[in-house]
Amino acid sequence: MALTDTQVFTRALPVPRGPLSATVITALAQSPSAKQLPLADVDQADPYGEDLTLALHTCYELHYRGFDGVDPRWEWDPELLRLRAMMERAFRTALRSDTDGGEDVTAALDALLIEPVPGNGVSHYLRDTAQWWHMREYIVHRSVYHLKEADPHAWVIPRLQGQAKASLVAVEFDEFGGGRGERIHAELFAGLMAAAGLSPGYLHYLDDVPAPAIAIVNLMSMFGLHRALRGCLVGHFAAAEITTAPSAQRITQALERLGAGPRCTLFFTEHIEADAVHEQVLRRDVIGDLLHREPHLAEDVVFGIAATELLEARLAKHQLNAWNSGTTSLRRPLPEHSGPG
């Protein structure tokens, strides 16, 4: 039986965006060797810029579905890991510098529940103002993560114990469809993309998505791949779940206003109720039990929350600045599409 577009597991290597990403992508197109990779000047690269962000994402993708034609030995190649570590250090240093820090987890979580009135975020713009092309761009931005939704968080499972482990697995069980393949959230998002006239192929739009959206996925991967950052990953996961339900409600309203049917709205309606429950589970049972066992991780949990909010704010600013000026928020405009069917 022929594979459908949503079942395509990998994609070609992306187009480089500067010397760092060119170094990584050029190397991955060849076989690993003992020769050292040239170290493009990581220290001079913008830690949030297109080049470093894509280079880091390309390295991380080797731990997910990978790229067509790339030798699987690259996943644990010492020289590539050496370069990746330098890029991670630059990214993490910038995040630490640009967030306030602290150890008050309760205050950090409570702050996520406070929304300005009137709201001025991306989901408010989509609900109140957006045209169909804005909505399609929003979907493309989010596709870099949502077609692998919850995968980065699975890495933290063996790093937890007791109730924290059990409760996080319960949340992940929901994210992965409760045992039903067609209900996996990544599959629901693929269905949304197809209904919106977009390709649901895995990482199909990677070359179109700018750094602010990719950086959010990099954050999850970095937190998930390092045991030392397990508290950060849990903080990130809680922040994402707390803020998703209200934004999903507004995006559902936006899609309905634009005339979209159930195939477009299902992904978001699924999150309205589920993430409201997940918020409480993560806050009480995962973070609560984790900090009971390892109270020294409170600062990391706060950092995970703050870094998530920082990068989400950077993406929102990028999108709204572009849309308010009447230009695309992607690296190139999408082909015109008449609207939801």
C-alpha atoms as a PDB file:
ATOM      1  CA  MET A   1       0.000   0.000   0.000  1.00  0.00           C
ATOM      2  CA  ALA A   2       1.375   3.415  -0.954  1.00  0.00           C
ATOM      3  CA  LEU A   3       2.219   5.780   1.878  1.00  0.00           C
ATOM      4  CA  THR A   4       0.153   8.949   2.212  1.00  0.00           C
ATOM      5  CA  ASP A   5       1.832  12.305   2.726  1.00  0.00           C
ATOM      6  CA  THR A   6       1.094  12.218   6.463  1.00  0.00           C
ATOM      7  CA  GLN A   7       2.963   8.904   6.744  1.00  0.00           C
ATOM      8  CA  VAL A   8       6.232  10.162   5.237  1.00  0.00           C
ATOM      9  CA  PHE A   9       8.691   9.799   8.100  1.00  0.00           C
ATOM     10  CA  THR A  10      11.619  11.934   6.946  1.00  0.00           C
ATOM     11  CA  ARG A  11      12.508  14.764   4.624  1.00  0.00           C
ATOM     12  CA  ALA A  12      15.521  16.120   2.789  1.00  0.00           C
ATOM     13  CA  LEU A  13      18.139  18.148   4.625  1.00  0.00           C
ATOM     14  CA  PRO A  14      17.173  21.825   4.915  1.00  0.00           C
ATOM     15  CA  VAL A  15      18.739  24.715   3.031  1.00  0.00           C
ATOM     16  CA  PRO A  16      21.538  26.333   5.119  1.00  0.00           C
ATOM     17  CA  ARG A  17      21.042  29.827   6.491  1.00  0.00           C
ATOM     18  CA  GLY A  18      24.638  30.712   7.301  1.00  0.00           C
ATOM     19  CA  PRO A  19      28.075  29.215   8.058  1.00  0.00           C
ATOM     20  CA  LEU A  20      27.025  27.164  11.113  1.00  0.00           C
ATOM     21  CA  SER A  21      24.074  25.493   9.445  1.00  0.00           C
ATOM     22  CA  ALA A  22      26.134  25.020   6.265  1.00  0.00           C
ATOM     23  CA  THR A  23      28.814  23.216   8.295  1.00  0.00           C
ATOM     24  CA  VAL A  24      26.269  20.854   9.836  1.00  0.00           C
ATOM     25  CA  ILE A  25      24.233  20.226   6.692  1.00  0.00           C
ATOM     26  CA  THR A  26      27.287  19.727   4.477  1.00  0.00           C
ATOM     27  CA  ALA A  27      28.685  17.198   6.955  1.00  0.00           C
ATOM     28  CA  LEU A  28      25.419  15.253   7.218  1.00  0.00           C
ATOM     29  CA  ALA A  29      25.321  14.836   3.452  1.00  0.00           C
ATOM     30  CA  GLN A  30      28.513  12.770   3.749  1.00  0.00           C
ATOM     31  CA  SER A  31      29.619   9.780   5.811  1.00  0.00           C
ATOM     32  CA  PRO A  32      30.969  10.369   9.344  1.00  0.00           C
ATOM     33  CA  SER A  33      34.730  10.319   9.667  1.00  0.00           C
ATOM     34  CA  ALA A  34      37.387  10.916  12.265  1.00  0.00           C
ATOM     35  CA  LYS A  35      38.148  14.296  10.723  1.00  0.00           C
ATOM     36  CA  GLN A  36      37.170  17.205  12.947  1.00  0.00           C
ATOM     37  CA  LEU A  37      34.287  19.357  11.796  1.00  0.00           C
ATOM     38  CA  PRO A  38      35.304  22.954  11.098  1.00  0.00           C
ATOM     39  CA  LEU A  39      34.142  25.098  13.973  1.00  0.00           C
ATOM     40  CA  ALA A  40      32.336  28.035  12.467  1.00  0.00           C
ATOM     41  CA  ASP A  41      32.495  30.945  14.892  1.00  0.00           C
ATOM     42  CA  VAL A  42      29.773  29.974  17.347  1.00  0.00           C
ATOM     43  CA  ASP A  43      30.690  32.788  19.738  1.00  0.00           C
ATOM     44  CA  GLN A  44      29.931  35.389  17.062  1.00  0.00           C
ATOM     45  CA  ALA A  45      26.616  33.850  15.998  1.00  0.00           C
ATOM     46  CA  ASP A  46      23.294  35.299  17.131  1.00  0.00           C
ATOM     47  CA  PRO A  47      21.984  32.698  19.630  1.00  0.00           C
ATOM     48  CA  TYR A  48      18.437  33.400  18.396  1.00  0.00           C
ATOM     49  CA  GLY A  49      19.407  33.923  14.759  1.00  0.00           C
ATOM     50  CA  GLU A  50      18.471  31.920  11.694  1.00  0.00           C
ATOM     51  CA  ASP A  51      21.876  30.266  11.283  1.00  0.00           C
ATOM     52  CA  LEU A  52      22.505  28.882  14.776  1.00  0.00           C
ATOM     53  CA  THR A  53      18.842  28.023  15.287  1.00  0.00           C
ATOM     54  CA  LEU A  54      18.643  25.924  12.124  1.00  0.00           C
ATOM     55  CA  ALA A  55      22.030  24.290  12.791  1.00  0.00           C
ATOM     56  CA  LEU A  56      20.933  23.261  16.277  1.00  0.00           C
ATOM     57  CA  HIS A  57      17.552  22.033  15.061  1.00  0.00           C
ATOM     58  CA  THR A  58      19.247  19.937  12.372  1.00  0.00           C
ATOM     59  CA  CYS A  59      21.459  18.302  14.996  1.00  0.00           C
ATOM     60  CA  TYR A  60      18.482  17.590  17.241  1.00  0.00           C
ATOM     61  CA  GLU A  61      16.424  16.133  14.418  1.00  0.00           C
ATOM     62  CA  LEU A  62      18.871  13.224  14.235  1.00  0.00           C
ATOM     63  CA  HIS A  63      17.302  12.049  17.527  1.00  0.00           C
ATOM     64  CA  TYR A  64      13.790  12.167  16.039  1.00  0.00           C
ATOM     65  CA  ARG A  65      12.919  10.892  12.556  1.00  0.00           C
ATOM     66  CA  GLY A  66      16.043  12.250  10.881  1.00  0.00           C
ATOM     67  CA  PHE A  67      16.628  13.219   7.272  1.00  0.00           C
ATOM     68  CA  ASP A  68      16.574  11.216   4.076  1.00  0.00           C
ATOM     69  CA  GLY A  69      19.982   9.826   3.098  1.00  0.00           C
ATOM     70  CA  VAL A  70      21.775  10.812   6.324  1.00  0.00           C
ATOM     71  CA  ASP A  71      24.000   8.099   7.782  1.00  0.00           C
ATOM     72  CA  PRO A  72      22.462   7.094  11.149  1.00  0.00           C
ATOM     73  CA  ARG A  73      25.923   7.079  12.730  1.00  0.00           C
ATOM     74  CA  TRP A  74      25.818  10.877  12.734  1.00  0.00           C
ATOM     75  CA  GLU A  75      23.371  10.784  15.664  1.00  0.00           C
ATOM     76  CA  TRP A  76      26.186  10.028  18.128  1.00  0.00           C
ATOM     77  CA  ASP A  77      29.187  11.310  16.181  1.00  0.00           C
ATOM     78  CA  PRO A  78      31.572  12.867  18.754  1.00  0.00           C
ATOM     79  CA  GLU A  79      32.600  15.752  16.521  1.00  0.00           C
ATOM     80  CA  LEU A  80      29.031  16.716  15.710  1.00  0.00           C
ATOM     81  CA  LEU A  81      28.102  16.472  19.390  1.00  0.00           C
ATOM     82  CA  ARG A  82      31.078  18.722  20.204  1.00  0.00           C
ATOM     83  CA  LEU A  83      29.785  21.367  17.812  1.00  0.00           C
ATOM     84  CA  ARG A  84      26.238  20.940  19.064  1.00  0.00           C
ATOM     85  CA  ALA A  85      27.379  21.459  22.658  1.00  0.00           C
ATOM     86  CA  MET A  86      28.947  24.788  21.724  1.00  0.00           C
ATOM     87  CA  MET A  87      25.719  25.939  20.075  1.00  0.00           C
ATOM     88  CA  GLU A  88      23.666  24.757  23.039  1.00  0.00           C
ATOM     89  CA  ARG A  89      25.900  26.680  25.386  1.00  0.00           C
ATOM     90  CA  ALA A  90      25.395  29.888  23.397  1.00  0.00           C
ATOM     91  CA  PHE A  91      21.625  29.359  23.261  1.00  0.00           C
ATOM     92  CA  ARG A  92      21.325  28.521  26.956  1.00  0.00           C
ATOM     93  CA  THR A  93      23.544  31.430  28.008  1.00  0.00           C
ATOM     94  CA  ALA A  94      21.345  33.864  26.091  1.00  0.00           C
ATOM     95  CA  LEU A  95      18.205  32.405  27.654  1.00  0.00           C
ATOM     96  CA  ARG A  96      19.671  32.674  31.143  1.00  0.00           C
ATOM     97  CA  SER A  97      20.696  36.264  30.491  1.00  0.00           C
ATOM     98  CA  ASP A  98      17.285  37.252  29.127  1.00  0.00           C
ATOM     99  CA  THR A  99      15.154  35.734  31.911  1.00  0.00           C
ATOM    100  CA  ASP A 100      14.879  36.833  35.531  1.00  0.00           C
ATOM    101  CA  GLY A 101      15.437  33.507  37.255  1.00  0.00           C
ATOM    102  CA  GLY A 102      14.317  32.754  40.795  1.00  0.00           C
ATOM    103  CA  GLU A 103      13.010  29.798  42.790  1.00  0.00           C
ATOM    104  CA  ASP A 104       9.337  30.686  43.365  1.00  0.00           C
ATOM    105  CA  VAL A 105       7.615  28.063  41.220  1.00  0.00           C
ATOM    106  CA  THR A 106       4.129  28.912  42.476  1.00  0.00           C
ATOM    107  CA  ALA A 107       4.497  32.573  41.503  1.00  0.00           C
ATOM    108  CA  ALA A 108       5.892  31.659  38.085  1.00  0.00           C
ATOM    109  CA  LEU A 109       2.961  29.326  37.391  1.00  0.00           C
ATOM    110  CA  ASP A 110       0.360  31.742  38.757  1.00  0.00           C
ATOM    111  CA  ALA A 111       1.662  34.486  36.472  1.00  0.00           C
ATOM    112  CA  LEU A 112       0.791  32.342  33.460  1.00  0.00           C
ATOM    113  CA  LEU A 113      -2.875  32.438  34.440  1.00  0.00           C
ATOM    114  CA  ILE A 114      -3.055  36.246  34.224  1.00  0.00           C
ATOM    115  CA  GLU A 115      -3.941  37.599  30.789  1.00  0.00           C
ATOM    116  CA  PRO A 116      -4.037  41.305  29.883  1.00  0.00           C
ATOM    117  CA  VAL A 117      -7.454  42.781  29.126  1.00  0.00           C
ATOM    118  CA  PRO A 118      -8.013  43.410  26.325  1.00  0.00           C
ATOM    119  CA  GLY A 119      -5.787  40.642  25.028  1.00  0.00           C
ATOM    120  CA  ASN A 120      -3.236  41.503  22.364  1.00  0.00           C
ATOM    121  CA  GLY A 121      -1.602  38.158  21.576  1.00  0.00           C
ATOM    122  CA  VAL A 122      -1.511  36.059  18.437  1.00  0.00           C
ATOM    123  CA  SER A 123      -4.591  34.032  19.329  1.00  0.00           C
ATOM    124  CA  HIS A 124      -6.534  37.266  19.940  1.00  0.00           C
ATOM    125  CA  TYR A 125      -5.405  38.567  16.547  1.00  0.00           C
ATOM    126  CA  LEU A 126      -6.479  35.350  14.877  1.00  0.00           C
ATOM    127  CA  ARG A 127      -9.860  35.382  16.604  1.00  0.00           C
ATOM    128  CA  ASP A 128     -10.673  39.029  15.947  1.00  0.00           C
ATOM    129  CA  THR A 129      -8.788  40.181  12.855  1.00  0.00           C
ATOM    130  CA  ALA A 130      -7.081  37.459  10.874  1.00  0.00           C
ATOM    131  CA  GLN A 131      -7.754  36.531   7.298  1.00  0.00           C
ATOM    132  CA  TRP A 132      -7.384  32.976   6.053  1.00  0.00           C
ATOM    133  CA  TRP A 133      -3.755  33.528   4.996  1.00  0.00           C
ATOM    134  CA  HIS A 134      -2.821  34.594   8.524  1.00  0.00           C
ATOM    135  CA  MET A 135      -4.320  31.405   9.924  1.00  0.00           C
ATOM    136  CA  ARG A 136      -2.465  29.224   7.416  1.00  0.00           C
ATOM    137  CA  GLU A 137       0.816  30.920   8.319  1.00  0.00           C
ATOM    138  CA  TYR A 138       0.137  30.316  12.003  1.00  0.00           C
ATOM    139  CA  ILE A 139      -0.433  26.621  11.292  1.00  0.00           C
ATOM    140  CA  VAL A 140       2.808  26.392   9.318  1.00  0.00           C
ATOM    141  CA  HIS A 141       4.801  28.015  12.141  1.00  0.00           C
ATOM    142  CA  ARG A 142       3.460  25.483  14.610  1.00  0.00           C
ATOM    143  CA  SER A 143       3.898  22.490  12.313  1.00  0.00           C
ATOM    144  CA  VAL A 144       7.605  22.205  13.156  1.00  0.00           C
ATOM    145  CA  TYR A 145       6.547  21.119  16.649  1.00  0.00           C
ATOM    146  CA  HIS A 146       3.017  19.794  16.389  1.00  0.00           C
ATOM    147  CA  LEU A 147       3.888  17.098  13.857  1.00  0.00           C
ATOM    148  CA  LYS A 148       6.106  15.672  16.625  1.00  0.00           C
ATOM    149  CA  GLU A 149       3.925  16.824  19.513  1.00  0.00           C
ATOM    150  CA  ALA A 150       4.927  15.491  22.942  1.00  0.00           C
ATOM    151  CA  ASP A 151       7.946  13.583  21.590  1.00  0.00           C
ATOM    152  CA  PRO A 152      10.523  15.856  23.324  1.00  0.00           C
ATOM    153  CA  HIS A 153       8.743  15.458  26.646  1.00  0.00           C
ATOM    154  CA  ALA A 154       8.980  11.658  26.513  1.00  0.00           C
ATOM    155  CA  TRP A 155      12.730  11.896  27.146  1.00  0.00           C
ATOM    156  CA  VAL A 156      12.131  13.064  30.702  1.00  0.00           C
ATOM    157  CA  ILE A 157      10.158   9.956  31.711  1.00  0.00           C
ATOM    158  CA  PRO A 158      13.149   7.782  32.721  1.00  0.00           C
ATOM    159  CA  ARG A 159      14.573  10.755  34.623  1.00  0.00           C
ATOM    160  CA  LEU A 160      11.597  10.996  36.967  1.00  0.00           C
ATOM    161  CA  GLN A 161      10.386   8.670  39.696  1.00  0.00           C
ATOM    162  CA  GLY A 162       7.304   7.987  41.784  1.00  0.00           C
ATOM    163  CA  GLN A 163       4.171  10.075  41.283  1.00  0.00           C
ATOM    164  CA  ALA A 164       5.940  12.576  39.037  1.00  0.00           C
ATOM    165  CA  LYS A 165       6.780   9.799  36.568  1.00  0.00           C
ATOM    166  CA  ALA A 166       3.324   8.200  36.743  1.00  0.00           C
ATOM    167  CA  SER A 167       1.478  11.481  36.255  1.00  0.00           C
ATOM    168  CA  LEU A 168       3.668  12.695  33.405  1.00  0.00           C
ATOM    169  CA  VAL A 169       3.123   9.368  31.643  1.00  0.00           C
ATOM    170  CA  ALA A 170      -0.638   9.852  32.093  1.00  0.00           C
ATOM    171  CA  VAL A 171      -0.419  13.220  30.336  1.00  0.00           C
ATOM    172  CA  GLU A 172       1.735  11.755  27.579  1.00  0.00           C
ATOM    173  CA  PHE A 173      -0.791   8.925  27.130  1.00  0.00           C
ATOM    174  CA  ASP A 174      -3.390  11.553  26.254  1.00  0.00           C
ATOM    175  CA  GLU A 175      -0.977  13.380  23.946  1.00  0.00           C
ATOM    176  CA  PHE A 176      -0.347  10.112  22.106  1.00  0.00           C
ATOM    177  CA  GLY A 177      -4.029   9.430  21.547  1.00  0.00           C
ATOM    178  CA  GLY A 178      -4.873   7.268  24.534  1.00  0.00           C
ATOM    179  CA  GLY A 179      -3.799   4.173  22.641  1.00  0.00           C
ATOM    180  CA  ARG A 180      -5.577   5.138  19.413  1.00  0.00           C
ATOM    181  CA  GLY A 181      -3.245   5.992  16.552  1.00  0.00           C
ATOM    182  CA  GLU A 182      -5.733   8.221  14.781  1.00  0.00           C
ATOM    183  CA  ARG A 183      -6.125  10.335  17.947  1.00  0.00           C
ATOM    184  CA  ILE A 184      -2.403  11.076  18.398  1.00  0.00           C
ATOM    185  CA  HIS A 185      -2.205  14.849  18.569  1.00  0.00           C
ATOM    186  CA  ALA A 186       0.407  14.949  15.815  1.00  0.00           C
ATOM    187  CA  GLU A 187      -2.034  13.070  13.585  1.00  0.00           C
ATOM    188  CA  LEU A 188      -4.822  15.498  14.447  1.00  0.00           C
ATOM    189  CA  PHE A 189      -2.542  18.365  13.458  1.00  0.00           C
ATOM    190  CA  ALA A 190      -1.699  16.643  10.183  1.00  0.00           C
ATOM    191  CA  GLY A 191      -5.439  16.414   9.528  1.00  0.00           C
ATOM    192  CA  LEU A 192      -5.790  20.119  10.264  1.00  0.00           C
ATOM    193  CA  MET A 193      -3.016  20.922   7.798  1.00  0.00           C
ATOM    194  CA  ALA A 194      -4.591  18.848   5.052  1.00  0.00           C
ATOM    195  CA  ALA A 195      -7.976  20.470   5.660  1.00  0.00           C
ATOM    196  CA  ALA A 196      -6.312  23.894   5.450  1.00  0.00           C
ATOM    197  CA  GLY A 197      -4.817  23.092   2.049  1.00  0.00           C
ATOM    198  CA  LEU A 198      -1.317  22.591   3.451  1.00  0.00           C
ATOM    199  CA  SER A 199       1.026  19.638   3.149  1.00  0.00           C
ATOM    200  CA  PRO A 200       0.948  17.482   6.289  1.00  0.00           C
ATOM    201  CA  GLY A 201       4.349  15.986   5.475  1.00  0.00           C
ATOM    202  CA  TYR A 202       6.771  15.861   8.387  1.00  0.00           C
ATOM    203  CA  LEU A 203       8.964  19.026   8.413  1.00  0.00           C
ATOM    204  CA  HIS A 204       7.642  19.874   4.955  1.00  0.00           C
ATOM    205  CA  TYR A 205       7.783  23.593   5.786  1.00  0.00           C
ATOM    206  CA  LEU A 206      11.072  23.675   7.702  1.00  0.00           C
ATOM    207  CA  ASP A 207      12.712  25.890   5.058  1.00  0.00           C
ATOM    208  CA  ASP A 208       9.790  28.328   5.291  1.00  0.00           C
ATOM    209  CA  VAL A 209       9.624  28.668   9.079  1.00  0.00           C
ATOM    210  CA  PRO A 210      11.827  31.392  10.628  1.00  0.00           C
ATOM    211  CA  ALA A 211      14.037  31.065  13.675  1.00  0.00           C
ATOM    212  CA  PRO A 212      11.577  32.284  16.354  1.00  0.00           C
ATOM    213  CA  ALA A 213       9.308  29.251  15.833  1.00  0.00           C
ATOM    214  CA  ILE A 214      12.155  26.758  15.462  1.00  0.00           C
ATOM    215  CA  ALA A 215      13.840  28.038  18.637  1.00  0.00           C
ATOM    216  CA  ILE A 216      10.846  26.916  20.720  1.00  0.00           C
ATOM    217  CA  VAL A 217      11.275  23.354  19.445  1.00  0.00           C
ATOM    218  CA  ASN A 218      15.015  23.564  20.104  1.00  0.00           C
ATOM    219  CA  LEU A 219      14.255  24.531  23.699  1.00  0.00           C
ATOM    220  CA  MET A 220      12.202  21.367  24.221  1.00  0.00           C
ATOM    221  CA  SER A 221      14.835  19.184  22.600  1.00  0.00           C
ATOM    222  CA  MET A 222      17.664  20.693  24.633  1.00  0.00           C
ATOM    223  CA  PHE A 223      15.766  20.261  27.887  1.00  0.00           C
ATOM    224  CA  GLY A 224      14.686  16.730  27.000  1.00  0.00           C
ATOM    225  CA  LEU A 225      18.076  15.451  25.866  1.00  0.00           C
ATOM    226  CA  HIS A 226      19.950  16.523  29.013  1.00  0.00           C
ATOM    227  CA  ARG A 227      19.212  14.757  32.286  1.00  0.00           C
ATOM    228  CA  ALA A 228      20.607  17.757  34.139  1.00  0.00           C
ATOM    229  CA  LEU A 229      17.822  19.902  32.633  1.00  0.00           C
ATOM    230  CA  ARG A 230      14.916  17.645  33.670  1.00  0.00           C
ATOM    231  CA  GLY A 231      13.506  20.329  35.938  1.00  0.00           C
ATOM    232  CA  CYS A 232      13.584  22.800  33.049  1.00  0.00           C
ATOM    233  CA  LEU A 233      11.693  20.362  30.818  1.00  0.00           C
ATOM    234  CA  VAL A 234       8.984  19.856  33.438  1.00  0.00           C
ATOM    235  CA  GLY A 235       8.669  23.637  33.855  1.00  0.00           C
ATOM    236  CA  HIS A 236       8.393  24.085  30.109  1.00  0.00           C
ATOM    237  CA  PHE A 237       5.752  21.351  29.808  1.00  0.00           C
ATOM    238  CA  ALA A 238       3.656  22.917  32.577  1.00  0.00           C
ATOM    239  CA  ALA A 239       3.899  26.368  30.991  1.00  0.00           C
ATOM    240  CA  ALA A 240       2.791  24.998  27.632  1.00  0.00           C
ATOM    241  CA  GLU A 241      -0.181  23.147  29.095  1.00  0.00           C
ATOM    242  CA  ILE A 242      -1.328  26.090  31.239  1.00  0.00           C
ATOM    243  CA  THR A 243      -1.379  28.526  28.320  1.00  0.00           C
ATOM    244  CA  THR A 244      -2.752  26.204  25.639  1.00  0.00           C
ATOM    245  CA  ALA A 245      -6.400  25.839  26.675  1.00  0.00           C
ATOM    246  CA  PRO A 246      -7.371  29.550  26.481  1.00  0.00           C
ATOM    247  CA  SER A 247      -5.439  30.107  23.248  1.00  0.00           C
ATOM    248  CA  ALA A 248      -6.946  26.954  21.718  1.00  0.00           C
ATOM    249  CA  GLN A 249     -10.403  28.308  22.538  1.00  0.00           C
ATOM    250  CA  ARG A 250      -9.676  31.555  20.713  1.00  0.00           C
ATOM    251  CA  ILE A 251      -8.170  29.801  17.696  1.00  0.00           C
ATOM    252  CA  THR A 252     -11.224  27.551  17.491  1.00  0.00           C
ATOM    253  CA  GLN A 253     -13.367  30.689  17.423  1.00  0.00           C
ATOM    254  CA  ALA A 254     -11.106  32.132  14.725  1.00  0.00           C
ATOM    255  CA  LEU A 255     -11.444  29.043  12.544  1.00  0.00           C
ATOM    256  CA  GLU A 256     -15.210  29.022  12.972  1.00  0.00           C
ATOM    257  CA  ARG A 257     -15.363  32.720  12.037  1.00  0.00           C
ATOM    258  CA  LEU A 258     -13.365  31.944   8.909  1.00  0.00           C
ATOM    259  CA  GLY A 259     -15.751  29.151   7.955  1.00  0.00           C
ATOM    260  CA  ALA A 260     -13.575  26.164   8.812  1.00  0.00           C
ATOM    261  CA  GLY A 261     -15.238  22.847   9.548  1.00  0.00           C
ATOM    262  CA  PRO A 262     -14.658  20.189  12.223  1.00  0.00           C
ATOM    263  CA  ARG A 263     -11.611  18.723  10.494  1.00  0.00           C
ATOM    264  CA  CYS A 264      -9.844  22.051  11.001  1.00  0.00           C
ATOM    265  CA  THR A 265     -11.066  22.691  14.530  1.00  0.00           C
ATOM    266  CA  LEU A 266     -10.661  19.182  16.021  1.00  0.00           C
ATOM    267  CA  PHE A 267      -7.022  19.641  16.974  1.00  0.00           C
ATOM    268  CA  PHE A 268      -7.824  22.768  18.978  1.00  0.00           C
ATOM    269  CA  THR A 269     -11.090  21.581  20.537  1.00  0.00           C
ATOM    270  CA  GLU A 270      -9.213  18.498  21.714  1.00  0.00           C
ATOM    271  CA  HIS A 271      -6.797  20.768  23.597  1.00  0.00           C
ATOM    272  CA  ILE A 272      -9.361  23.022  25.261  1.00  0.00           C
ATOM    273  CA  GLU A 273     -10.520  20.396  27.739  1.00  0.00           C
ATOM    274  CA  ALA A 274      -7.489  18.103  27.797  1.00  0.00           C
ATOM    275  CA  ASP A 275      -4.921  20.779  28.598  1.00  0.00           C
ATOM    276  CA  ALA A 276      -7.061  22.281  31.344  1.00  0.00           C
ATOM    277  CA  VAL A 277      -6.820  18.887  33.065  1.00  0.00           C
ATOM    278  CA  HIS A 278      -3.151  18.433  32.187  1.00  0.00           C
ATOM    279  CA  GLU A 279      -2.367  21.785  33.788  1.00  0.00           C
ATOM    280  CA  GLN A 280      -3.533  20.564  37.167  1.00  0.00           C
ATOM    281  CA  VAL A 281      -1.804  17.189  36.847  1.00  0.00           C
ATOM    282  CA  LEU A 282       1.512  18.760  35.904  1.00  0.00           C
ATOM    283  CA  ARG A 283       1.323  21.428  38.541  1.00  0.00           C
ATOM    284  CA  ARG A 284       0.195  19.284  41.460  1.00  0.00           C
ATOM    285  CA  ASP A 285       1.418  15.769  40.738  1.00  0.00           C
ATOM    286  CA  VAL A 286       4.452  16.203  38.483  1.00  0.00           C
ATOM    287  CA  ILE A 287       6.055  19.421  39.708  1.00  0.00           C
ATOM    288  CA  GLY A 288       4.807  18.904  43.265  1.00  0.00           C
ATOM    289  CA  ASP A 289       6.281  15.422  43.567  1.00  0.00           C
ATOM    290  CA  LEU A 290       9.472  16.322  41.694  1.00  0.00           C
ATOM    291  CA  LEU A 291      10.229  19.208  44.031  1.00  0.00           C
ATOM    292  CA  HIS A 292       9.293  17.155  47.091  1.00  0.00           C
ATOM    293  CA  ARG A 293      12.008  14.686  46.082  1.00  0.00           C
ATOM    294  CA  GLU A 294      14.463  17.177  44.555  1.00  0.00           C
ATOM    295  CA  PRO A 295      13.775  20.661  45.966  1.00  0.00           C
ATOM    296  CA  HIS A 296      17.023  21.981  44.496  1.00  0.00           C
ATOM    297  CA  LEU A 297      15.389  21.795  41.034  1.00  0.00           C
ATOM    298  CA  ALA A 298      13.008  24.686  41.773  1.00  0.00           C
ATOM    299  CA  GLU A 299      15.271  27.191  40.020  1.00  0.00           C
ATOM    300  CA  ASP A 300      15.371  24.970  36.932  1.00  0.00           C
ATOM    301  CA  VAL A 301      11.582  24.637  36.872  1.00  0.00           C
ATOM    302  CA  VAL A 302      11.267  28.432  36.996  1.00  0.00           C
ATOM    303  CA  PHE A 303      13.847  28.766  34.228  1.00  0.00           C
ATOM    304  CA  GLY A 304      11.913  26.309  32.054  1.00  0.00           C
ATOM    305  CA  ILE A 305       8.776  28.394  32.488  1.00  0.00           C
ATOM    306  CA  ALA A 306      10.534  31.711  31.890  1.00  0.00           C
ATOM    307  CA  ALA A 307      12.474  30.527  28.838  1.00  0.00           C
ATOM    308  CA  THR A 308       9.275  29.203  27.285  1.00  0.00           C
ATOM    309  CA  GLU A 309       7.505  32.504  27.812  1.00  0.00           C
ATOM    310  CA  LEU A 310      10.480  34.443  26.436  1.00  0.00           C
ATOM    311  CA  LEU A 311      10.612  32.465  23.196  1.00  0.00           C
ATOM    312  CA  GLU A 312       6.836  32.455  22.769  1.00  0.00           C
ATOM    313  CA  ALA A 313       6.867  36.246  23.157  1.00  0.00           C
ATOM    314  CA  ARG A 314       9.603  36.548  20.538  1.00  0.00           C
ATOM    315  CA  LEU A 315       7.581  34.478  18.091  1.00  0.00           C
ATOM    316  CA  ALA A 316       4.402  36.454  18.784  1.00  0.00           C
ATOM    317  CA  LYS A 317       6.226  39.750  18.234  1.00  0.00           C
ATOM    318  CA  HIS A 318       7.636  38.479  14.946  1.00  0.00           C
ATOM    319  CA  GLN A 319       4.244  37.304  13.688  1.00  0.00           C
ATOM    320  CA  LEU A 320       2.274  40.362  14.755  1.00  0.00           C
ATOM    321  CA  ASN A 321       4.863  42.821  13.416  1.00  0.00           C
ATOM    322  CA  ALA A 322       4.702  41.129  10.023  1.00  0.00           C
ATOM    323  CA  TRP A 323       0.931  40.820   9.911  1.00  0.00           C
ATOM    324  CA  ASN A 324       0.318  44.376  11.085  1.00  0.00           C
ATOM    325  CA  SER A 325       2.520  45.592   8.258  1.00  0.00           C
ATOM    326  CA  GLY A 326       0.693  43.396   5.742  1.00  0.00           C
ATOM    327  CA  THR A 327       3.629  41.077   5.025  1.00  0.00           C
ATOM    328  CA  THR A 328       4.243  37.367   5.469  1.00  0.00           C
ATOM    329  CA  SER A 329       5.620  36.130   8.786  1.00  0.00           C
ATOM    330  CA  LEU A 330       7.250  33.177   7.002  1.00  0.00           C
ATOM    331  CA  ARG A 331      10.498  33.190   5.056  1.00  0.00           C
ATOM    332  CA  ARG A 332       8.465  33.157   1.854  1.00  0.00           C
ATOM    333  CA  PRO A 333       4.714  33.554   1.326  1.00  0.00           C
ATOM    334  CA  LEU A 334       2.531  30.493   0.951  1.00  0.00           C
ATOM    335  CA  PRO A 335       0.707  29.896  -2.325  1.00  0.00           C
ATOM    336  CA  GLU A 336      -2.731  31.494  -2.312  1.00  0.00           C
ATOM    337  CA  HIS A 337      -5.591  29.352  -1.060  1.00  0.00           C
ATOM    338  CA  SER A 338      -9.264  30.178  -1.397  1.00  0.00           C
ATOM    339  CA  GLY A 339     -10.217  29.188   2.122  1.00  0.00           C
ATOM    340  CA  PRO A 340     -11.380  26.259   4.215  1.00  0.00           C
ATOM    341  CA  GLY A 341     -13.608  23.760   2.505  1.00  0.00           C
END
